[in-house]
Amino acid sequence: MNKSKTPLLSNFEMWQKWKEDSDIEAKKELIEGYLPLVDYVANRMAIGLPKNVSKDDLASNGIMGLIDAIEKFDYRRGLQFETYASWRIRGAMIDGLRQGDWVPRSVREKAKKIEEAYQHLEQRYLRSVNDSEISAYLNVSEREFQQMVQEIAVTTVCSLEDPIRDEDSETRSSLLVDEKAKNPDYKVHEFYIKEAIVKGIERLTEKERIVISLFYYEELSLSEIAEVMSLSPSRISQLHSKAILRLRGALGKNKNQLMEH
């Protein structure tokens, strides 16, 4: 991330005024200073979203997430605020999208079917399965499968943010946020989550792994990745979707373990 997007990388004194003295002006300055982080997350979230989703709506939800992050962040632990805040901002944006019910039920059902297909087949074969195997399992042609993946591309903007338990809003990624470190269950959750993600990444194809790496670690946009890999943006979007569905399938296998612990 470009440092210009986060001008207050280590403003210890400002955090001290807000946290120790409840200085409202210091809080306002922190919010204003980190507003570019909301724009940054909104721009990445907007990739592949339907036209009826406004970037302004994303940003307004994101600001609420930023305020929440500033209120809950413990500056004394020496953690990177930008990382913590990004999860909060992204989570607030996703909550806003969910409340708006922007993904049709039929598309959600297709995503779930493909995720379950990856989970079932890769558990059976203990390897990465290809498009023809998934298509056969779903009883559709490969062309139909590719169309399904293209349709559900917008749902993967939520990535690993789906709830682990249907009855609450705890998410897979939130278990990795350091605020839960004091919970005695944290280490157990962390172990299973990391184990599942490692296994899931091992199942990705080479191209899927490159897309995930460039998007989530190098923070390139899908169009920039398309240029780097000499592929069309729609093809990159497909690779991203399939990678996320594989990873969600891998995490789904460990759902029972997470719920037991």
C-alpha atoms as a PDB file:
ATOM      1  CA  MET A   1       0.000   0.000   0.000  1.00  0.00           C
ATOM      2  CA  ASN A   2       1.303   3.426  -0.902  1.00  0.00           C
ATOM      3  CA  LYS A   3       2.270   5.357   2.189  1.00  0.00           C
ATOM      4  CA  SER A   4       0.475   8.435   0.836  1.00  0.00           C
ATOM      5  CA  LYS A   5      -2.803   6.567   1.401  1.00  0.00           C
ATOM      6  CA  THR A   6      -2.105   6.328   5.128  1.00  0.00           C
ATOM      7  CA  PRO A   7      -0.586   9.610   6.332  1.00  0.00           C
ATOM      8  CA  LEU A   8      -0.712   8.741  10.043  1.00  0.00           C
ATOM      9  CA  LEU A   9       1.335   5.565  10.039  1.00  0.00           C
ATOM     10  CA  SER A  10       2.562   5.913  13.645  1.00  0.00           C
ATOM     11  CA  ASN A  11       1.064   9.023  15.229  1.00  0.00           C
ATOM     12  CA  PHE A  12       1.584   7.825  18.777  1.00  0.00           C
ATOM     13  CA  GLU A  13       0.885  11.183  20.400  1.00  0.00           C
ATOM     14  CA  MET A  14      -2.496  11.508  18.660  1.00  0.00           C
ATOM     15  CA  TRP A  15      -3.517   8.027  19.776  1.00  0.00           C
ATOM     16  CA  GLN A  16      -2.374   8.841  23.292  1.00  0.00           C
ATOM     17  CA  LYS A  17      -4.523  12.007  23.441  1.00  0.00           C
ATOM     18  CA  TRP A  18      -7.577  10.124  22.225  1.00  0.00           C
ATOM     19  CA  LYS A  19      -7.177   6.945  24.278  1.00  0.00           C
ATOM     20  CA  GLU A  20      -5.749   8.301  27.511  1.00  0.00           C
ATOM     21  CA  ASP A  21      -7.435  11.737  27.674  1.00  0.00           C
ATOM     22  CA  SER A  22     -10.618  11.025  25.634  1.00  0.00           C
ATOM     23  CA  ASP A  23      -9.689  14.028  23.495  1.00  0.00           C
ATOM     24  CA  ILE A  24     -12.503  14.293  20.902  1.00  0.00           C
ATOM     25  CA  GLU A  25     -10.439  16.605  18.687  1.00  0.00           C
ATOM     26  CA  ALA A  26      -7.696  13.977  18.553  1.00  0.00           C
ATOM     27  CA  LYS A  27     -10.291  11.381  17.552  1.00  0.00           C
ATOM     28  CA  LYS A  28     -11.586  13.669  14.778  1.00  0.00           C
ATOM     29  CA  GLU A  29      -8.049  14.175  13.496  1.00  0.00           C
ATOM     30  CA  LEU A  30      -7.451  10.422  13.463  1.00  0.00           C
ATOM     31  CA  ILE A  31     -10.684   9.870  11.511  1.00  0.00           C
ATOM     32  CA  GLU A  32      -9.811  12.595   8.996  1.00  0.00           C
ATOM     33  CA  GLY A  33      -6.233  11.362   8.683  1.00  0.00           C
ATOM     34  CA  TYR A  34      -7.309   7.804   7.912  1.00  0.00           C
ATOM     35  CA  LEU A  35     -10.190   8.652   5.552  1.00  0.00           C
ATOM     36  CA  PRO A  36      -8.000   7.839   2.505  1.00  0.00           C
ATOM     37  CA  LEU A  37      -7.922   4.262   3.815  1.00  0.00           C
ATOM     38  CA  VAL A  38     -11.714   4.116   3.351  1.00  0.00           C
ATOM     39  CA  ASP A  39     -11.354   5.282  -0.273  1.00  0.00           C
ATOM     40  CA  TYR A  40      -8.615   2.738  -0.845  1.00  0.00           C
ATOM     41  CA  VAL A  41     -10.747  -0.174   0.439  1.00  0.00           C
ATOM     42  CA  ALA A  42     -13.843   1.116  -1.405  1.00  0.00           C
ATOM     43  CA  ASN A  43     -11.957   1.237  -4.708  1.00  0.00           C
ATOM     44  CA  ARG A  44     -10.830  -2.382  -4.285  1.00  0.00           C
ATOM     45  CA  MET A  45     -14.265  -3.525  -3.159  1.00  0.00           C
ATOM     46  CA  ALA A  46     -15.938  -1.850  -6.136  1.00  0.00           C
ATOM     47  CA  ILE A  47     -14.141  -4.166  -8.589  1.00  0.00           C
ATOM     48  CA  GLY A  48     -16.694  -6.407 -10.230  1.00  0.00           C
ATOM     49  CA  LEU A  49     -19.673  -5.139  -8.225  1.00  0.00           C
ATOM     50  CA  PRO A  50     -22.996  -4.537 -10.024  1.00  0.00           C
ATOM     51  CA  LYS A  51     -23.642  -1.002 -11.291  1.00  0.00           C
ATOM     52  CA  ASN A  52     -26.470  -0.560  -8.812  1.00  0.00           C
ATOM     53  CA  VAL A  53     -23.923  -0.613  -5.985  1.00  0.00           C
ATOM     54  CA  SER A  54     -22.735   2.941  -5.340  1.00  0.00           C
ATOM     55  CA  LYS A  55     -19.138   3.581  -4.317  1.00  0.00           C
ATOM     56  CA  ASP A  56     -20.509   6.375  -2.125  1.00  0.00           C
ATOM     57  CA  ASP A  57     -22.622   3.815  -0.244  1.00  0.00           C
ATOM     58  CA  LEU A  58     -19.530   1.647   0.223  1.00  0.00           C
ATOM     59  CA  ALA A  59     -17.594   4.643   1.521  1.00  0.00           C
ATOM     60  CA  SER A  60     -20.313   5.739   3.976  1.00  0.00           C
ATOM     61  CA  ASN A  61     -20.452   2.223   5.438  1.00  0.00           C
ATOM     62  CA  GLY A  62     -16.661   2.148   5.443  1.00  0.00           C
ATOM     63  CA  ILE A  63     -16.471   5.353   7.491  1.00  0.00           C
ATOM     64  CA  MET A  64     -18.600   3.687  10.164  1.00  0.00           C
ATOM     65  CA  GLY A  65     -16.104   0.799  10.132  1.00  0.00           C
ATOM     66  CA  LEU A  66     -13.201   3.247  10.456  1.00  0.00           C
ATOM     67  CA  ILE A  67     -14.797   4.964  13.456  1.00  0.00           C
ATOM     68  CA  ASP A  68     -15.425   1.573  15.050  1.00  0.00           C
ATOM     69  CA  ALA A  69     -11.774   0.624  14.465  1.00  0.00           C
ATOM     70  CA  ILE A  70     -10.492   3.860  16.006  1.00  0.00           C
ATOM     71  CA  GLU A  71     -12.704   3.330  19.058  1.00  0.00           C
ATOM     72  CA  LYS A  72     -11.588  -0.268  19.604  1.00  0.00           C
ATOM     73  CA  PHE A  73      -7.919  -0.180  18.576  1.00  0.00           C
ATOM     74  CA  ASP A  74      -5.307  -0.620  21.316  1.00  0.00           C
ATOM     75  CA  TYR A  75      -2.366   1.530  20.188  1.00  0.00           C
ATOM     76  CA  ARG A  76      -0.150   0.295  23.054  1.00  0.00           C
ATOM     77  CA  ARG A  77       0.244  -3.174  21.571  1.00  0.00           C
ATOM     78  CA  GLY A  78       2.395  -1.911  18.719  1.00  0.00           C
ATOM     79  CA  LEU A  79       0.170  -3.387  16.013  1.00  0.00           C
ATOM     80  CA  GLN A  80      -0.343  -1.890  12.563  1.00  0.00           C
ATOM     81  CA  PHE A  81      -3.567   0.130  12.689  1.00  0.00           C
ATOM     82  CA  GLU A  82      -4.011   0.095   8.897  1.00  0.00           C
ATOM     83  CA  THR A  83      -4.269  -3.704   8.831  1.00  0.00           C
ATOM     84  CA  TYR A  84      -6.776  -3.788  11.677  1.00  0.00           C
ATOM     85  CA  ALA A  85      -8.806  -0.894  10.275  1.00  0.00           C
ATOM     86  CA  SER A  86      -8.910  -2.399   6.784  1.00  0.00           C
ATOM     87  CA  TRP A  87     -10.696  -5.495   8.158  1.00  0.00           C
ATOM     88  CA  ARG A  88     -13.162  -3.308  10.065  1.00  0.00           C
ATOM     89  CA  ILE A  89     -13.794  -1.041   7.077  1.00  0.00           C
ATOM     90  CA  ARG A  90     -14.186  -3.970   4.696  1.00  0.00           C
ATOM     91  CA  GLY A  91     -16.483  -5.759   7.153  1.00  0.00           C
ATOM     92  CA  ALA A  92     -18.704  -2.676   7.497  1.00  0.00           C
ATOM     93  CA  MET A  93     -18.931  -2.382   3.707  1.00  0.00           C
ATOM     94  CA  ILE A  94     -19.846  -6.055   3.365  1.00  0.00           C
ATOM     95  CA  ASP A  95     -22.482  -5.725   6.098  1.00  0.00           C
ATOM     96  CA  GLY A  96     -23.971  -2.831   4.137  1.00  0.00           C
ATOM     97  CA  LEU A  97     -24.018  -4.897   0.940  1.00  0.00           C
ATOM     98  CA  ARG A  98     -25.661  -7.811   2.715  1.00  0.00           C
ATOM     99  CA  GLN A  99     -28.367  -5.599   4.178  1.00  0.00           C
ATOM    100  CA  GLY A 100     -29.074  -4.339   0.669  1.00  0.00           C
ATOM    101  CA  ASP A 101     -29.433  -7.938  -0.586  1.00  0.00           C
ATOM    102  CA  TRP A 102     -27.528  -7.043  -3.746  1.00  0.00           C
ATOM    103  CA  VAL A 103     -26.879 -10.641  -4.862  1.00  0.00           C
ATOM    104  CA  PRO A 104     -29.891 -12.583  -6.249  1.00  0.00           C
ATOM    105  CA  ARG A 105     -30.766 -15.822  -4.428  1.00  0.00           C
ATOM    106  CA  SER A 106     -30.174 -17.866  -7.591  1.00  0.00           C
ATOM    107  CA  VAL A 107     -26.590 -16.566  -7.838  1.00  0.00           C
ATOM    108  CA  ARG A 108     -25.958 -17.338  -4.159  1.00  0.00           C
ATOM    109  CA  GLU A 109     -27.230 -20.884  -4.722  1.00  0.00           C
ATOM    110  CA  LYS A 110     -24.896 -21.386  -7.702  1.00  0.00           C
ATOM    111  CA  ALA A 111     -21.944 -20.162  -5.644  1.00  0.00           C
ATOM    112  CA  LYS A 112     -22.842 -22.563  -2.838  1.00  0.00           C
ATOM    113  CA  LYS A 113     -23.151 -25.506  -5.259  1.00  0.00           C
ATOM    114  CA  ILE A 114     -19.717 -24.842  -6.782  1.00  0.00           C
ATOM    115  CA  GLU A 115     -18.127 -24.345  -3.359  1.00  0.00           C
ATOM    116  CA  GLU A 116     -19.590 -27.661  -2.176  1.00  0.00           C
ATOM    117  CA  ALA A 117     -18.453 -29.376  -5.384  1.00  0.00           C
ATOM    118  CA  TYR A 118     -14.856 -28.244  -4.816  1.00  0.00           C
ATOM    119  CA  GLN A 119     -15.076 -29.300  -1.178  1.00  0.00           C
ATOM    120  CA  HIS A 120     -16.475 -32.769  -1.957  1.00  0.00           C
ATOM    121  CA  LEU A 121     -14.241 -33.635  -4.923  1.00  0.00           C
ATOM    122  CA  GLU A 122     -10.999 -32.317  -3.458  1.00  0.00           C
ATOM    123  CA  GLN A 123     -11.678 -34.160  -0.223  1.00  0.00           C
ATOM    124  CA  ARG A 124     -12.307 -37.328  -2.242  1.00  0.00           C
ATOM    125  CA  TYR A 125      -9.273 -37.056  -4.545  1.00  0.00           C
ATOM    126  CA  LEU A 126      -6.955 -35.158  -2.170  1.00  0.00           C
ATOM    127  CA  ARG A 127      -5.790 -32.954  -5.037  1.00  0.00           C
ATOM    128  CA  SER A 128      -6.840 -29.961  -7.080  1.00  0.00           C
ATOM    129  CA  VAL A 129      -9.740 -30.849  -9.402  1.00  0.00           C
ATOM    130  CA  ASN A 130     -10.107 -29.337 -12.864  1.00  0.00           C
ATOM    131  CA  ASP A 131     -13.019 -27.660 -14.627  1.00  0.00           C
ATOM    132  CA  SER A 132     -14.121 -30.807 -16.467  1.00  0.00           C
ATOM    133  CA  GLU A 133     -14.354 -32.776 -13.196  1.00  0.00           C
ATOM    134  CA  ILE A 134     -16.351 -30.010 -11.513  1.00  0.00           C
ATOM    135  CA  SER A 135     -18.612 -29.702 -14.577  1.00  0.00           C
ATOM    136  CA  ALA A 136     -19.271 -33.443 -14.603  1.00  0.00           C
ATOM    137  CA  TYR A 137     -20.076 -33.422 -10.884  1.00  0.00           C
ATOM    138  CA  LEU A 138     -22.519 -30.536 -11.371  1.00  0.00           C
ATOM    139  CA  ASN A 139     -23.929 -32.212 -14.500  1.00  0.00           C
ATOM    140  CA  VAL A 140     -23.332 -29.159 -16.711  1.00  0.00           C
ATOM    141  CA  SER A 141     -21.084 -28.520 -19.713  1.00  0.00           C
ATOM    142  CA  GLU A 142     -17.733 -26.804 -19.193  1.00  0.00           C
ATOM    143  CA  ARG A 143     -19.076 -23.771 -21.024  1.00  0.00           C
ATOM    144  CA  GLU A 144     -22.067 -23.627 -18.661  1.00  0.00           C
ATOM    145  CA  PHE A 145     -19.708 -23.965 -15.712  1.00  0.00           C
ATOM    146  CA  GLN A 146     -17.610 -21.015 -16.945  1.00  0.00           C
ATOM    147  CA  GLN A 147     -20.801 -18.961 -17.305  1.00  0.00           C
ATOM    148  CA  MET A 148     -21.786 -19.880 -13.747  1.00  0.00           C
ATOM    149  CA  VAL A 149     -18.379 -18.768 -12.457  1.00  0.00           C
ATOM    150  CA  GLN A 150     -18.697 -15.491 -14.358  1.00  0.00           C
ATOM    151  CA  GLU A 151     -22.159 -14.892 -12.884  1.00  0.00           C
ATOM    152  CA  ILE A 152     -21.005 -15.429  -9.323  1.00  0.00           C
ATOM    153  CA  ALA A 153     -17.812 -13.363  -9.689  1.00  0.00           C
ATOM    154  CA  VAL A 154     -19.461 -10.464  -7.848  1.00  0.00           C
ATOM    155  CA  THR A 155     -20.196 -12.651  -4.817  1.00  0.00           C
ATOM    156  CA  THR A 156     -16.516 -13.395  -4.246  1.00  0.00           C
ATOM    157  CA  VAL A 157     -15.904  -9.761  -3.327  1.00  0.00           C
ATOM    158  CA  CYS A 158     -16.939 -11.005   0.121  1.00  0.00           C
ATOM    159  CA  SER A 159     -14.066 -13.441  -0.125  1.00  0.00           C
ATOM    160  CA  LEU A 160     -13.553 -15.226   3.193  1.00  0.00           C
ATOM    161  CA  GLU A 161     -15.998 -12.981   5.047  1.00  0.00           C
ATOM    162  CA  ASP A 162     -18.923 -15.453   5.121  1.00  0.00           C
ATOM    163  CA  PRO A 163     -20.054 -16.341   8.641  1.00  0.00           C
ATOM    164  CA  ILE A 164     -18.699 -19.530  10.186  1.00  0.00           C
ATOM    165  CA  ARG A 165     -21.858 -19.980  12.204  1.00  0.00           C
ATOM    166  CA  ASP A 166     -25.209 -19.176  10.630  1.00  0.00           C
ATOM    167  CA  GLU A 167     -26.601 -17.917  13.931  1.00  0.00           C
ATOM    168  CA  ASP A 168     -24.025 -15.185  14.429  1.00  0.00           C
ATOM    169  CA  SER A 169     -21.838 -12.788  12.529  1.00  0.00           C
ATOM    170  CA  GLU A 170     -18.440 -14.203  13.458  1.00  0.00           C
ATOM    171  CA  THR A 171     -16.395 -14.537  10.290  1.00  0.00           C
ATOM    172  CA  ARG A 172     -13.466 -16.705   9.332  1.00  0.00           C
ATOM    173  CA  SER A 173     -11.172 -13.743   8.837  1.00  0.00           C
ATOM    174  CA  SER A 174     -12.215 -12.051  12.099  1.00  0.00           C
ATOM    175  CA  LEU A 175     -10.724 -14.986  13.972  1.00  0.00           C
ATOM    176  CA  LEU A 176      -7.338 -13.902  12.647  1.00  0.00           C
ATOM    177  CA  VAL A 177      -7.659 -10.342  13.953  1.00  0.00           C
ATOM    178  CA  ASP A 178      -5.468  -9.828  16.979  1.00  0.00           C
ATOM    179  CA  GLU A 179      -8.268  -8.383  19.135  1.00  0.00           C
ATOM    180  CA  LYS A 180      -9.327 -11.959  19.874  1.00  0.00           C
ATOM    181  CA  ALA A 181      -5.904 -12.923  21.183  1.00  0.00           C
ATOM    182  CA  LYS A 182      -7.059 -12.704  24.795  1.00  0.00           C
ATOM    183  CA  ASN A 183      -9.818 -15.259  24.204  1.00  0.00           C
ATOM    184  CA  PRO A 184      -8.647 -18.724  25.392  1.00  0.00           C
ATOM    185  CA  ASP A 185     -10.253 -20.270  22.302  1.00  0.00           C
ATOM    186  CA  TYR A 186      -8.253 -18.004  19.996  1.00  0.00           C
ATOM    187  CA  LYS A 187      -5.244 -20.257  19.483  1.00  0.00           C
ATOM    188  CA  VAL A 188      -7.421 -23.258  18.668  1.00  0.00           C
ATOM    189  CA  HIS A 189      -9.455 -21.244  16.156  1.00  0.00           C
ATOM    190  CA  GLU A 190      -6.278 -19.762  14.683  1.00  0.00           C
ATOM    191  CA  PHE A 191      -4.711 -23.205  14.256  1.00  0.00           C
ATOM    192  CA  TYR A 192      -7.668 -24.640  12.337  1.00  0.00           C
ATOM    193  CA  ILE A 193      -8.137 -21.521  10.217  1.00  0.00           C
ATOM    194  CA  LYS A 194      -4.473 -21.361   9.193  1.00  0.00           C
ATOM    195  CA  GLU A 195      -4.327 -25.101   8.552  1.00  0.00           C
ATOM    196  CA  ALA A 196      -7.422 -24.903   6.342  1.00  0.00           C
ATOM    197  CA  ILE A 197      -6.120 -21.903   4.384  1.00  0.00           C
ATOM    198  CA  VAL A 198      -2.711 -23.527   3.804  1.00  0.00           C
ATOM    199  CA  LYS A 199      -4.383 -26.699   2.536  1.00  0.00           C
ATOM    200  CA  GLY A 200      -6.736 -24.643   0.397  1.00  0.00           C
ATOM    201  CA  ILE A 201      -3.886 -22.672  -1.192  1.00  0.00           C
ATOM    202  CA  GLU A 202      -2.083 -25.933  -1.974  1.00  0.00           C
ATOM    203  CA  ARG A 203      -5.147 -26.972  -3.995  1.00  0.00           C
ATOM    204  CA  LEU A 204      -5.118 -23.825  -6.160  1.00  0.00           C
ATOM    205  CA  THR A 205      -3.862 -24.053  -9.723  1.00  0.00           C
ATOM    206  CA  GLU A 206      -0.715 -22.087 -10.543  1.00  0.00           C
ATOM    207  CA  LYS A 207      -2.675 -19.285 -12.233  1.00  0.00           C
ATOM    208  CA  GLU A 208      -5.188 -19.094  -9.376  1.00  0.00           C
ATOM    209  CA  ARG A 209      -2.345 -18.855  -6.874  1.00  0.00           C
ATOM    210  CA  ILE A 210      -0.717 -16.034  -8.845  1.00  0.00           C
ATOM    211  CA  VAL A 211      -3.997 -14.094  -9.001  1.00  0.00           C
ATOM    212  CA  ILE A 212      -4.578 -14.473  -5.246  1.00  0.00           C
ATOM    213  CA  SER A 213      -0.988 -13.454  -4.504  1.00  0.00           C
ATOM    214  CA  LEU A 214      -1.083 -10.377  -6.741  1.00  0.00           C
ATOM    215  CA  PHE A 215      -4.528  -9.272  -5.569  1.00  0.00           C
ATOM    216  CA  TYR A 216      -4.277  -9.836  -1.817  1.00  0.00           C
ATOM    217  CA  TYR A 217      -0.545  -9.532  -1.159  1.00  0.00           C
ATOM    218  CA  GLU A 218       0.780  -7.246  -3.905  1.00  0.00           C
ATOM    219  CA  GLU A 219      -2.548  -5.342  -3.878  1.00  0.00           C
ATOM    220  CA  LEU A 220      -2.847  -4.997  -7.660  1.00  0.00           C
ATOM    221  CA  SER A 221      -6.268  -4.414  -9.208  1.00  0.00           C
ATOM    222  CA  LEU A 222      -7.807  -7.111 -11.429  1.00  0.00           C
ATOM    223  CA  SER A 223      -7.082  -4.979 -14.509  1.00  0.00           C
ATOM    224  CA  GLU A 224      -3.419  -4.625 -13.477  1.00  0.00           C
ATOM    225  CA  ILE A 225      -3.198  -8.391 -12.900  1.00  0.00           C
ATOM    226  CA  ALA A 226      -4.720  -8.961 -16.352  1.00  0.00           C
ATOM    227  CA  GLU A 227      -1.929  -6.857 -17.833  1.00  0.00           C
ATOM    228  CA  VAL A 228       0.786  -8.659 -15.871  1.00  0.00           C
ATOM    229  CA  MET A 229      -0.535 -12.123 -16.848  1.00  0.00           C
ATOM    230  CA  SER A 230      -1.499 -11.155 -20.418  1.00  0.00           C
ATOM    231  CA  LEU A 231      -5.071 -12.332 -19.877  1.00  0.00           C
ATOM    232  CA  SER A 232      -8.428 -10.545 -20.149  1.00  0.00           C
ATOM    233  CA  PRO A 233      -9.911  -8.934 -17.014  1.00  0.00           C
ATOM    234  CA  SER A 234     -12.897 -11.322 -17.245  1.00  0.00           C
ATOM    235  CA  ARG A 235     -10.518 -14.311 -17.252  1.00  0.00           C
ATOM    236  CA  ILE A 236      -8.724 -12.915 -14.189  1.00  0.00           C
ATOM    237  CA  SER A 237     -12.112 -12.426 -12.524  1.00  0.00           C
ATOM    238  CA  GLN A 238     -12.937 -16.099 -13.228  1.00  0.00           C
ATOM    239  CA  LEU A 239      -9.609 -17.285 -11.808  1.00  0.00           C
ATOM    240  CA  HIS A 240     -10.159 -15.156  -8.708  1.00  0.00           C
ATOM    241  CA  SER A 241     -13.671 -16.563  -8.228  1.00  0.00           C
ATOM    242  CA  LYS A 242     -12.565 -20.183  -8.601  1.00  0.00           C
ATOM    243  CA  ALA A 243      -9.680 -19.632  -6.185  1.00  0.00           C
ATOM    244  CA  ILE A 244     -12.007 -18.124  -3.570  1.00  0.00           C
ATOM    245  CA  LEU A 245     -14.536 -20.952  -4.012  1.00  0.00           C
ATOM    246  CA  ARG A 246     -11.770 -23.539  -3.551  1.00  0.00           C
ATOM    247  CA  LEU A 247     -10.596 -21.752  -0.398  1.00  0.00           C
ATOM    248  CA  ARG A 248     -14.129 -21.473   0.952  1.00  0.00           C
ATOM    249  CA  GLY A 249     -14.563 -25.188   0.276  1.00  0.00           C
ATOM    250  CA  ALA A 250     -11.366 -25.916   2.206  1.00  0.00           C
ATOM    251  CA  LEU A 251     -12.540 -23.756   5.105  1.00  0.00           C
ATOM    252  CA  GLY A 252     -15.952 -25.415   4.975  1.00  0.00           C
ATOM    253  CA  LYS A 253     -14.356 -28.806   5.666  1.00  0.00           C
ATOM    254  CA  ASN A 254     -13.085 -27.430   8.938  1.00  0.00           C
ATOM    255  CA  LYS A 255     -16.380 -25.802   9.915  1.00  0.00           C
ATOM    256  CA  ASN A 256     -17.346 -28.614  12.256  1.00  0.00           C
ATOM    257  CA  GLN A 257     -13.962 -28.491  13.978  1.00  0.00           C
ATOM    258  CA  LEU A 258     -14.332 -24.739  14.481  1.00  0.00           C
ATOM    259  CA  MET A 259     -17.809 -25.105  15.906  1.00  0.00           C
ATOM    260  CA  GLU A 260     -16.725 -27.922  18.233  1.00  0.00           C
ATOM    261  CA  HIS A 261     -13.951 -25.763  19.641  1.00  0.00           C
END
